[in-house]
PDB file of all heavy atoms in Angstrom:
ATOM      1  N   THR A   1       5.914 -12.349   5.358  1.00  0.00           N
ATOM      2  CA  THR A   1       5.459 -11.764   6.618  1.00  0.00           C
ATOM      3  C   THR A   1       3.944 -11.727   6.607  1.00  0.00           C
ATOM      4  O   THR A   1       3.321 -11.474   5.566  1.00  0.00           O
ATOM      5  CB  THR A   1       6.040 -10.352   6.842  1.00  0.00           C
ATOM      6  OG1 THR A   1       5.635  -9.860   8.134  1.00  0.00           O
ATOM      7  CG2 THR A   1       5.590  -9.360   5.788  1.00  0.00           C
ATOM      8  N   ALA A   2       3.330 -12.014   7.754  1.00  0.00           N
ATOM      9  CA  ALA A   2       1.873 -12.055   7.872  1.00  0.00           C
ATOM     10  C   ALA A   2       1.427 -11.094   8.967  1.00  0.00           C
ATOM     11  O   ALA A   2       2.001 -11.082  10.060  1.00  0.00           O
ATOM     12  CB  ALA A   2       1.406 -13.473   8.198  1.00  0.00           C
ATOM     13  N   VAL A   3       0.408 -10.299   8.661  1.00  0.00           N
ATOM     14  CA  VAL A   3      -0.116  -9.322   9.615  1.00  0.00           C
ATOM     15  C   VAL A   3      -1.636  -9.395   9.631  1.00  0.00           C
ATOM     16  O   VAL A   3      -2.261  -9.816   8.657  1.00  0.00           O
ATOM     17  CB  VAL A   3       0.327  -7.884   9.271  1.00  0.00           C
ATOM     18  CG1 VAL A   3       1.838  -7.759   9.302  1.00  0.00           C
ATOM     19  CG2 VAL A   3      -0.221  -7.439   7.914  1.00  0.00           C
ATOM     20  N   ILE A   4      -2.206  -8.979  10.732  1.00  0.00           N
ATOM     21  CA  ILE A   4      -3.656  -8.892  10.822  1.00  0.00           C
ATOM     22  C   ILE A   4      -4.160  -7.724   9.991  1.00  0.00           C
ATOM     23  O   ILE A   4      -5.109  -7.848   9.211  1.00  0.00           O
ATOM     24  CB  ILE A   4      -4.089  -8.731  12.290  1.00  0.00           C
ATOM     25  CG1 ILE A   4      -3.674  -9.954  13.110  1.00  0.00           C
ATOM     26  CG2 ILE A   4      -5.599  -8.492  12.402  1.00  0.00           C
ATOM     27  CD1 ILE A   4      -3.647  -9.713  14.596  1.00  0.00           C
ATOM     28  N   PHE A   5      -3.471  -6.591  10.141  1.00  0.00           N
ATOM     29  CA  PHE A   5      -3.956  -5.357   9.524  1.00  0.00           C
ATOM     30  C   PHE A   5      -2.878  -4.705   8.672  1.00  0.00           C
ATOM     31  O   PHE A   5      -1.737  -4.551   9.107  1.00  0.00           O
ATOM     32  CB  PHE A   5      -4.402  -4.376  10.616  1.00  0.00           C
ATOM     33  CG  PHE A   5      -5.120  -3.169  10.080  1.00  0.00           C
ATOM     34  CD1 PHE A   5      -6.469  -3.239   9.769  1.00  0.00           C
ATOM     35  CD2 PHE A   5      -4.458  -1.984   9.875  1.00  0.00           C
ATOM     36  CE1 PHE A   5      -7.131  -2.140   9.255  1.00  0.00           C
ATOM     37  CE2 PHE A   5      -5.104  -0.869   9.364  1.00  0.00           C
ATOM     38  CZ  PHE A   5      -6.454  -0.952   9.058  1.00  0.00           C
ATOM     39  N   TYR A   6      -3.257  -4.345   7.462  1.00  0.00           N
ATOM     40  CA  TYR A   6      -2.367  -3.663   6.518  1.00  0.00           C
ATOM     41  C   TYR A   6      -3.035  -2.349   6.126  1.00  0.00           C
ATOM     42  O   TYR A   6      -4.188  -2.345   5.690  1.00  0.00           O
ATOM     43  CB  TYR A   6      -2.153  -4.571   5.300  1.00  0.00           C
ATOM     44  CG  TYR A   6      -1.523  -3.927   4.092  1.00  0.00           C
ATOM     45  CD1 TYR A   6      -0.473  -3.019   4.207  1.00  0.00           C
ATOM     46  CD2 TYR A   6      -1.967  -4.253   2.810  1.00  0.00           C
ATOM     47  CE1 TYR A   6       0.107  -2.449   3.092  1.00  0.00           C
ATOM     48  CE2 TYR A   6      -1.385  -3.693   1.685  1.00  0.00           C
ATOM     49  CZ  TYR A   6      -0.356  -2.790   1.832  1.00  0.00           C
ATOM     50  OH  TYR A   6       0.220  -2.223   0.712  1.00  0.00           O
ATOM     51  N   TYR A   7      -2.320  -1.233   6.287  1.00  0.00           N
ATOM     52  CA  TYR A   7      -2.922   0.070   5.998  1.00  0.00           C
ATOM     53  C   TYR A   7      -3.515   0.118   4.589  1.00  0.00           C
ATOM     54  O   TYR A   7      -4.617   0.598   4.374  1.00  0.00           O
ATOM     55  CB  TYR A   7      -1.889   1.167   6.167  1.00  0.00           C
ATOM     56  CG  TYR A   7      -1.886   1.798   7.543  1.00  0.00           C
ATOM     57  CD1 TYR A   7      -1.822   1.017   8.692  1.00  0.00           C
ATOM     58  CD2 TYR A   7      -1.937   3.169   7.704  1.00  0.00           C
ATOM     59  CE1 TYR A   7      -1.812   1.581   9.948  1.00  0.00           C
ATOM     60  CE2 TYR A   7      -1.925   3.767   8.959  1.00  0.00           C
ATOM     61  CZ  TYR A   7      -1.868   2.957  10.082  1.00  0.00           C
ATOM     62  OH  TYR A   7      -1.865   3.526  11.322  1.00  0.00           O
ATOM     63  N   GLY A   8      -2.753  -0.341   3.595  1.00  0.00           N
ATOM     64  CA  GLY A   8      -3.261  -0.407   2.237  1.00  0.00           C
ATOM     65  C   GLY A   8      -3.463   0.934   1.559  1.00  0.00           C
ATOM     66  O   GLY A   8      -4.228   1.037   0.594  1.00  0.00           O
ATOM     67  N   ILE A   9      -2.783   1.975   2.049  1.00  0.00           N
ATOM     68  CA  ILE A   9      -2.971   3.307   1.457  1.00  0.00           C
ATOM     69  C   ILE A   9      -1.664   3.929   0.959  1.00  0.00           C
ATOM     70  O   ILE A   9      -1.686   4.994   0.352  1.00  0.00           O
ATOM     71  CB  ILE A   9      -3.648   4.277   2.454  1.00  0.00           C
ATOM     72  CG1 ILE A   9      -2.791   4.441   3.721  1.00  0.00           C
ATOM     73  CG2 ILE A   9      -5.046   3.786   2.809  1.00  0.00           C
ATOM     74  CD1 ILE A   9      -3.323   5.505   4.687  1.00  0.00           C
ATOM     75  N   PHE A  10      -0.549   3.269   1.225  1.00  0.00           N
ATOM     76  CA  PHE A  10       0.743   3.778   0.772  1.00  0.00           C
ATOM     77  C   PHE A  10       1.205   2.911  -0.401  1.00  0.00           C
ATOM     78  O   PHE A  10       1.506   1.726  -0.222  1.00  0.00           O
ATOM     79  CB  PHE A  10       1.762   3.758   1.910  1.00  0.00           C
ATOM     80  CG  PHE A  10       1.338   4.594   3.097  1.00  0.00           C
ATOM     81  CD1 PHE A  10       1.034   3.997   4.317  1.00  0.00           C
ATOM     82  CD2 PHE A  10       1.217   5.965   2.992  1.00  0.00           C
ATOM     83  CE1 PHE A  10       0.632   4.757   5.405  1.00  0.00           C
ATOM     84  CE2 PHE A  10       0.810   6.742   4.070  1.00  0.00           C
ATOM     85  CZ  PHE A  10       0.523   6.136   5.280  1.00  0.00           C
ATOM     86  N   PRO A  11       1.253   3.483  -1.610  1.00  0.00           N
ATOM     87  CA  PRO A  11       1.442   2.677  -2.817  1.00  0.00           C
ATOM     88  C   PRO A  11       2.763   1.930  -2.909  1.00  0.00           C
ATOM     89  O   PRO A  11       2.859   0.942  -3.621  1.00  0.00           O
ATOM     90  CB  PRO A  11       1.319   3.706  -3.951  1.00  0.00           C
ATOM     91  CG  PRO A  11       1.578   5.044  -3.310  1.00  0.00           C
ATOM     92  CD  PRO A  11       1.078   4.925  -1.920  1.00  0.00           C
ATOM     93  N   ASP A  12       3.781   2.373  -2.188  1.00  0.00           N
ATOM     94  CA  ASP A  12       5.097   1.750  -2.327  1.00  0.00           C
ATOM     95  C   ASP A  12       5.344   0.610  -1.333  1.00  0.00           C
ATOM     96  O   ASP A  12       6.412  -0.007  -1.364  1.00  0.00           O
ATOM     97  CB  ASP A  12       6.207   2.800  -2.164  1.00  0.00           C
ATOM     98  CG  ASP A  12       6.216   3.803  -3.307  1.00  0.00           C
ATOM     99  OD1 ASP A  12       5.758   3.440  -4.403  1.00  0.00           O
ATOM    100  OD2 ASP A  12       6.662   4.949  -3.089  1.00  0.00           O
ATOM    101  N   THR A  13       4.390   0.331  -0.453  1.00  0.00           N
ATOM    102  CA  THR A  13       4.626  -0.645   0.610  1.00  0.00           C
ATOM    103  C   THR A  13       5.018  -2.013   0.075  1.00  0.00           C
ATOM    104  O   THR A  13       6.058  -2.578   0.455  1.00  0.00           O
ATOM    105  CB  THR A  13       3.378  -0.791   1.505  1.00  0.00           C
ATOM    106  OG1 THR A  13       3.048   0.475   2.056  1.00  0.00           O
ATOM    107  CG2 THR A  13       3.641  -1.787   2.628  1.00  0.00           C
ATOM    108  N   GLU A  14       4.194  -2.566  -0.793  1.00  0.00           N
ATOM    109  CA  GLU A  14       4.463  -3.918  -1.281  1.00  0.00           C
ATOM    110  C   GLU A  14       5.706  -3.966  -2.162  1.00  0.00           C
ATOM    111  O   GLU A  14       6.407  -4.974  -2.194  1.00  0.00           O
ATOM    112  CB  GLU A  14       3.228  -4.473  -1.991  1.00  0.00           C
ATOM    113  CG  GLU A  14       2.092  -4.739  -0.993  1.00  0.00           C
ATOM    114  CD  GLU A  14       0.855  -5.341  -1.608  1.00  0.00           C
ATOM    115  OE1 GLU A  14       0.966  -6.441  -2.178  1.00  0.00           O
ATOM    116  OE2 GLU A  14      -0.219  -4.712  -1.526  1.00  0.00           O
ATOM    117  N   LYS A  15       5.998  -2.847  -2.849  1.00  0.00           N
ATOM    118  CA  LYS A  15       7.243  -2.784  -3.626  1.00  0.00           C
ATOM    119  C   LYS A  15       8.455  -2.760  -2.698  1.00  0.00           C
ATOM    120  O   LYS A  15       9.458  -3.440  -2.943  1.00  0.00           O
ATOM    121  CB  LYS A  15       7.261  -1.556  -4.532  1.00  0.00           C
ATOM    122  CG  LYS A  15       8.514  -1.482  -5.426  1.00  0.00           C
ATOM    123  CD  LYS A  15       8.498  -0.260  -6.309  1.00  0.00           C
ATOM    124  CE  LYS A  15       9.668  -0.288  -7.278  1.00  0.00           C
ATOM    125  NZ  LYS A  15      10.988  -0.409  -6.639  1.00  0.00           N
ATOM    126  N   THR A  16       8.360  -1.984  -1.611  1.00  0.00           N
ATOM    127  CA  THR A  16       9.454  -1.930  -0.632  1.00  0.00           C
ATOM    128  C   THR A  16       9.751  -3.322  -0.096  1.00  0.00           C
ATOM    129  O   THR A  16      10.912  -3.743  -0.016  1.00  0.00           O
ATOM    130  CB  THR A  16       9.077  -0.993   0.541  1.00  0.00           C
ATOM    131  OG1 THR A  16       8.920   0.325   0.032  1.00  0.00           O
ATOM    132  CG2 THR A  16      10.159  -0.995   1.612  1.00  0.00           C
ATOM    133  N   LEU A  17       8.695  -4.047   0.275  1.00  0.00           N
ATOM    134  CA  LEU A  17       8.876  -5.401   0.783  1.00  0.00           C
ATOM    135  C   LEU A  17       9.345  -6.338  -0.330  1.00  0.00           C
ATOM    136  O   LEU A  17      10.252  -7.153  -0.124  1.00  0.00           O
ATOM    137  CB  LEU A  17       7.563  -5.910   1.379  1.00  0.00           C
ATOM    138  CG  LEU A  17       7.096  -5.202   2.664  1.00  0.00           C
ATOM    139  CD1 LEU A  17       5.672  -5.600   2.998  1.00  0.00           C
ATOM    140  CD2 LEU A  17       8.026  -5.501   3.822  1.00  0.00           C
ATOM    141  N   GLY A  18       8.752  -6.220  -1.497  1.00  0.00           N
ATOM    142  CA  GLY A  18       9.117  -7.086  -2.614  1.00  0.00           C
ATOM    143  C   GLY A  18      10.566  -6.930  -3.032  1.00  0.00           C
ATOM    144  O   GLY A  18      11.247  -7.910  -3.337  1.00  0.00           O
ATOM    145  N   ASP A  19      11.056  -5.692  -3.024  1.00  0.00           N
ATOM    146  CA  ASP A  19      12.454  -5.443  -3.374  1.00  0.00           C
ATOM    147  C   ASP A  19      13.400  -6.094  -2.379  1.00  0.00           C
ATOM    148  O   ASP A  19      14.568  -6.340  -2.683  1.00  0.00           O
ATOM    149  CB  ASP A  19      12.732  -3.929  -3.441  1.00  0.00           C
ATOM    150  CG  ASP A  19      12.102  -3.268  -4.660  1.00  0.00           C
ATOM    151  OD1 ASP A  19      11.664  -4.001  -5.573  1.00  0.00           O
ATOM    152  OD2 ASP A  19      12.037  -2.031  -4.679  1.00  0.00           O
ATOM    153  N   HIS A  20      12.895  -6.350  -1.178  1.00  0.00           N
ATOM    154  CA  HIS A  20      13.686  -7.002  -0.132  1.00  0.00           C
ATOM    155  C   HIS A  20      13.424  -8.517  -0.103  1.00  0.00           C
ATOM    156  O   HIS A  20      13.874  -9.207   0.814  1.00  0.00           O
ATOM    157  CB  HIS A  20      13.337  -6.380   1.225  1.00  0.00           C
ATOM    158  CG  HIS A  20      14.474  -6.345   2.198  1.00  0.00           C
ATOM    159  ND1 HIS A  20      15.605  -5.576   2.027  1.00  0.00           N
ATOM    160  CD2 HIS A  20      14.665  -7.004   3.370  1.00  0.00           C
ATOM    161  CE1 HIS A  20      16.429  -5.753   3.040  1.00  0.00           C
ATOM    162  NE2 HIS A  20      15.895  -6.627   3.872  1.00  0.00           N
ATOM    163  N   GLY A  21      12.671  -8.982  -1.085  1.00  0.00           N
ATOM    164  CA  GLY A  21      12.394 -10.420  -1.173  1.00  0.00           C
ATOM    165  C   GLY A  21      11.338 -10.914  -0.214  1.00  0.00           C
ATOM    166  O   GLY A  21      11.363 -12.073   0.211  1.00  0.00           O
ATOM    167  N   ILE A  22      10.382 -10.042   0.135  1.00  0.00           N
ATOM    168  CA  ILE A  22       9.367 -10.390   1.129  1.00  0.00           C
ATOM    169  C   ILE A  22       7.966 -10.270   0.520  1.00  0.00           C
ATOM    170  O   ILE A  22       7.631  -9.250  -0.093  1.00  0.00           O
ATOM    171  CB  ILE A  22       9.442  -9.469   2.360  1.00  0.00           C
ATOM    172  CG1 ILE A  22      10.869  -9.397   2.896  1.00  0.00           C
ATOM    173  CG2 ILE A  22       8.483  -9.928   3.446  1.00  0.00           C
ATOM    174  CD1 ILE A  22      11.098  -8.223   3.820  1.00  0.00           C
ATOM    175  N   THR A  23       7.138 -11.294   0.730  1.00  0.00           N
ATOM    176  CA  THR A  23       5.734 -11.264   0.336  1.00  0.00           C
ATOM    177  C   THR A  23       4.881 -10.986   1.563  1.00  0.00           C
ATOM    178  O   THR A  23       5.084 -11.592   2.623  1.00  0.00           O
ATOM    179  CB  THR A  23       5.311 -12.605  -0.287  1.00  0.00           C
ATOM    180  OG1 THR A  23       6.103 -12.850  -1.455  1.00  0.00           O
ATOM    181  CG2 THR A  23       3.845 -12.595  -0.678  1.00  0.00           C
ATOM    182  N   LEU A  24       3.937 -10.052   1.424  1.00  0.00           N
ATOM    183  CA  LEU A  24       3.063  -9.664   2.532  1.00  0.00           C
ATOM    184  C   LEU A  24       1.730 -10.400   2.451  1.00  0.00           C
ATOM    185  O   LEU A  24       1.101 -10.459   1.399  1.00  0.00           O
ATOM    186  CB  LEU A  24       2.805  -8.151   2.474  1.00  0.00           C
ATOM    187  CG  LEU A  24       1.781  -7.584   3.470  1.00  0.00           C
ATOM    188  CD1 LEU A  24       2.290  -7.709   4.899  1.00  0.00           C
ATOM    189  CD2 LEU A  24       1.465  -6.121   3.133  1.00  0.00           C
ATOM    190  N   HIS A  25       1.287 -10.954   3.594  1.00  0.00           N
ATOM    191  CA  HIS A  25      -0.032 -11.576   3.725  1.00  0.00           C
ATOM    192  C   HIS A  25      -0.790 -10.814   4.813  1.00  0.00           C
ATOM    193  O   HIS A  25      -0.228 -10.537   5.875  1.00  0.00           O
ATOM    194  CB  HIS A  25       0.093 -13.049   4.114  1.00  0.00           C
ATOM    195  CG  HIS A  25       1.034 -13.818   3.232  1.00  0.00           C
ATOM    196  ND1 HIS A  25       0.670 -14.318   2.011  1.00  0.00           N
ATOM    197  CD2 HIS A  25       2.346 -14.132   3.409  1.00  0.00           C
ATOM    198  CE1 HIS A  25       1.715 -14.931   1.456  1.00  0.00           C
ATOM    199  NE2 HIS A  25       2.739 -14.833   2.286  1.00  0.00           N
ATOM    200  N   HIS A  26      -2.042 -10.497   4.567  1.00  0.00           N
ATOM    201  CA  HIS A  26      -2.800  -9.714   5.549  1.00  0.00           C
ATOM    202  C   HIS A  26      -4.268 -10.127   5.516  1.00  0.00           C
ATOM    203  O   HIS A  26      -4.727 -10.782   4.577  1.00  0.00           O
ATOM    204  CB  HIS A  26      -2.678  -8.221   5.264  1.00  0.00           C
ATOM    205  CG  HIS A  26      -3.303  -7.797   3.958  1.00  0.00           C
ATOM    206  ND1 HIS A  26      -2.639  -7.914   2.758  1.00  0.00           N
ATOM    207  CD2 HIS A  26      -4.528  -7.299   3.676  1.00  0.00           C
ATOM    208  CE1 HIS A  26      -3.429  -7.487   1.786  1.00  0.00           C
ATOM    209  NE2 HIS A  26      -4.578  -7.114   2.308  1.00  0.00           N
ATOM    210  N   LEU A  27      -5.000  -9.708   6.567  1.00  0.00           N
ATOM    211  CA  LEU A  27      -6.420 -10.045   6.659  1.00  0.00           C
ATOM    212  C   LEU A  27      -7.317  -8.920   6.163  1.00  0.00           C
ATOM    213  O   LEU A  27      -8.293  -9.169   5.467  1.00  0.00           O
ATOM    214  CB  LEU A  27      -6.798 -10.402   8.099  1.00  0.00           C
ATOM    215  CG  LEU A  27      -6.078 -11.616   8.699  1.00  0.00           C
ATOM    216  CD1 LEU A  27      -6.643 -11.929  10.087  1.00  0.00           C
ATOM    217  CD2 LEU A  27      -6.176 -12.828   7.791  1.00  0.00           C
ATOM    218  N   CYS A  28      -7.021  -7.677   6.535  1.00  0.00           N
ATOM    219  CA  CYS A  28      -7.865  -6.574   6.069  1.00  0.00           C
ATOM    220  C   CYS A  28      -7.074  -5.282   6.035  1.00  0.00           C
ATOM    221  O   CYS A  28      -5.946  -5.200   6.556  1.00  0.00           O
ATOM    222  CB  CYS A  28      -9.126  -6.432   6.929  1.00  0.00           C
ATOM    223  SG  CYS A  28      -8.888  -5.611   8.523  1.00  0.00           S
ATOM    224  N   THR A  29      -7.678  -4.267   5.407  1.00  0.00           N
ATOM    225  CA  THR A  29      -7.049  -2.956   5.252  1.00  0.00           C
ATOM    226  C   THR A  29      -8.002  -1.872   5.764  1.00  0.00           C
ATOM    227  O   THR A  29      -9.148  -2.153   6.135  1.00  0.00           O
ATOM    228  CB  THR A  29      -6.731  -2.667   3.776  1.00  0.00           C
ATOM    229  OG1 THR A  29      -7.976  -2.461   3.067  1.00  0.00           O
ATOM    230  CG2 THR A  29      -5.948  -3.811   3.129  1.00  0.00           C
ATOM    231  N   TRP A  30      -7.541  -0.619   5.694  1.00  0.00           N
ATOM    232  CA  TRP A  30      -8.417   0.497   6.063  1.00  0.00           C
ATOM    233  C   TRP A  30      -9.648   0.552   5.168  1.00  0.00           C
ATOM    234  O   TRP A  30     -10.730   0.958   5.603  1.00  0.00           O
ATOM    235  CB  TRP A  30      -7.669   1.827   5.981  1.00  0.00           C
ATOM    236  CG  TRP A  30      -6.889   2.180   7.199  1.00  0.00           C
ATOM    237  CD1 TRP A  30      -5.564   2.525   7.273  1.00  0.00           C
ATOM    238  CD2 TRP A  30      -7.379   2.264   8.552  1.00  0.00           C
ATOM    239  NE1 TRP A  30      -5.196   2.791   8.573  1.00  0.00           N
ATOM    240  CE2 TRP A  30      -6.296   2.645   9.382  1.00  0.00           C
ATOM    241  CE3 TRP A  30      -8.623   2.032   9.142  1.00  0.00           C
ATOM    242  CZ2 TRP A  30      -6.425   2.804  10.759  1.00  0.00           C
ATOM    243  CZ3 TRP A  30      -8.756   2.198  10.516  1.00  0.00           C
ATOM    244  CH2 TRP A  30      -7.661   2.584  11.312  1.00  0.00           C
ATOM    245  N   TRP A  31      -9.493   0.137   3.901  1.00  0.00           N
ATOM    246  CA  TRP A  31     -10.647   0.171   2.994  1.00  0.00           C
ATOM    247  C   TRP A  31     -11.732  -0.797   3.453  1.00  0.00           C
ATOM    248  O   TRP A  31     -12.929  -0.492   3.358  1.00  0.00           O
ATOM    249  CB  TRP A  31     -10.195  -0.146   1.567  1.00  0.00           C
ATOM    250  CG  TRP A  31      -9.242   0.883   1.043  1.00  0.00           C
ATOM    251  CD1 TRP A  31      -7.893   0.738   0.829  1.00  0.00           C
ATOM    252  CD2 TRP A  31      -9.548   2.248   0.717  1.00  0.00           C
ATOM    253  NE1 TRP A  31      -7.344   1.920   0.393  1.00  0.00           N
ATOM    254  CE2 TRP A  31      -8.335   2.869   0.306  1.00  0.00           C
ATOM    255  CE3 TRP A  31     -10.726   2.994   0.725  1.00  0.00           C
ATOM    256  CZ2 TRP A  31      -8.272   4.193  -0.095  1.00  0.00           C
ATOM    257  CZ3 TRP A  31     -10.674   4.334   0.338  1.00  0.00           C
ATOM    258  CH2 TRP A  31      -9.455   4.908  -0.070  1.00  0.00           C
ATOM    259  N   ASP A  32     -11.333  -1.952   3.946  1.00  0.00           N
ATOM    260  CA  ASP A  32     -12.303  -2.911   4.469  1.00  0.00           C
ATOM    261  C   ASP A  32     -12.985  -2.372   5.718  1.00  0.00           C
ATOM    262  O   ASP A  32     -14.200  -2.529   5.901  1.00  0.00           O
ATOM    263  CB  ASP A  32     -11.610  -4.241   4.790  1.00  0.00           C
ATOM    264  CG  ASP A  32     -10.941  -4.856   3.574  1.00  0.00           C
ATOM    265  OD1 ASP A  32     -11.608  -5.000   2.537  1.00  0.00           O
ATOM    266  OD2 ASP A  32      -9.737  -5.182   3.671  1.00  0.00           O
ATOM    267  N   VAL A  33     -12.206  -1.739   6.583  1.00  0.00           N
ATOM    268  CA  VAL A  33     -12.764  -1.166   7.812  1.00  0.00           C
ATOM    269  C   VAL A  33     -13.729  -0.033   7.481  1.00  0.00           C
ATOM    270  O   VAL A  33     -14.817   0.075   8.069  1.00  0.00           O
ATOM    271  CB  VAL A  33     -11.636  -0.668   8.732  1.00  0.00           C
ATOM    272  CG1 VAL A  33     -12.195   0.168   9.880  1.00  0.00           C
ATOM    273  CG2 VAL A  33     -10.840  -1.847   9.282  1.00  0.00           C
TER     274      VAL A  33
END
């Protein structure tokens, strides 16, 4: 899945997606903003 913006502040997000067999692609996060 690809998104423009990823919050990047909830530690379990990528694990939640990964456990479902999904890799996340994003452009920036709140830290970048």
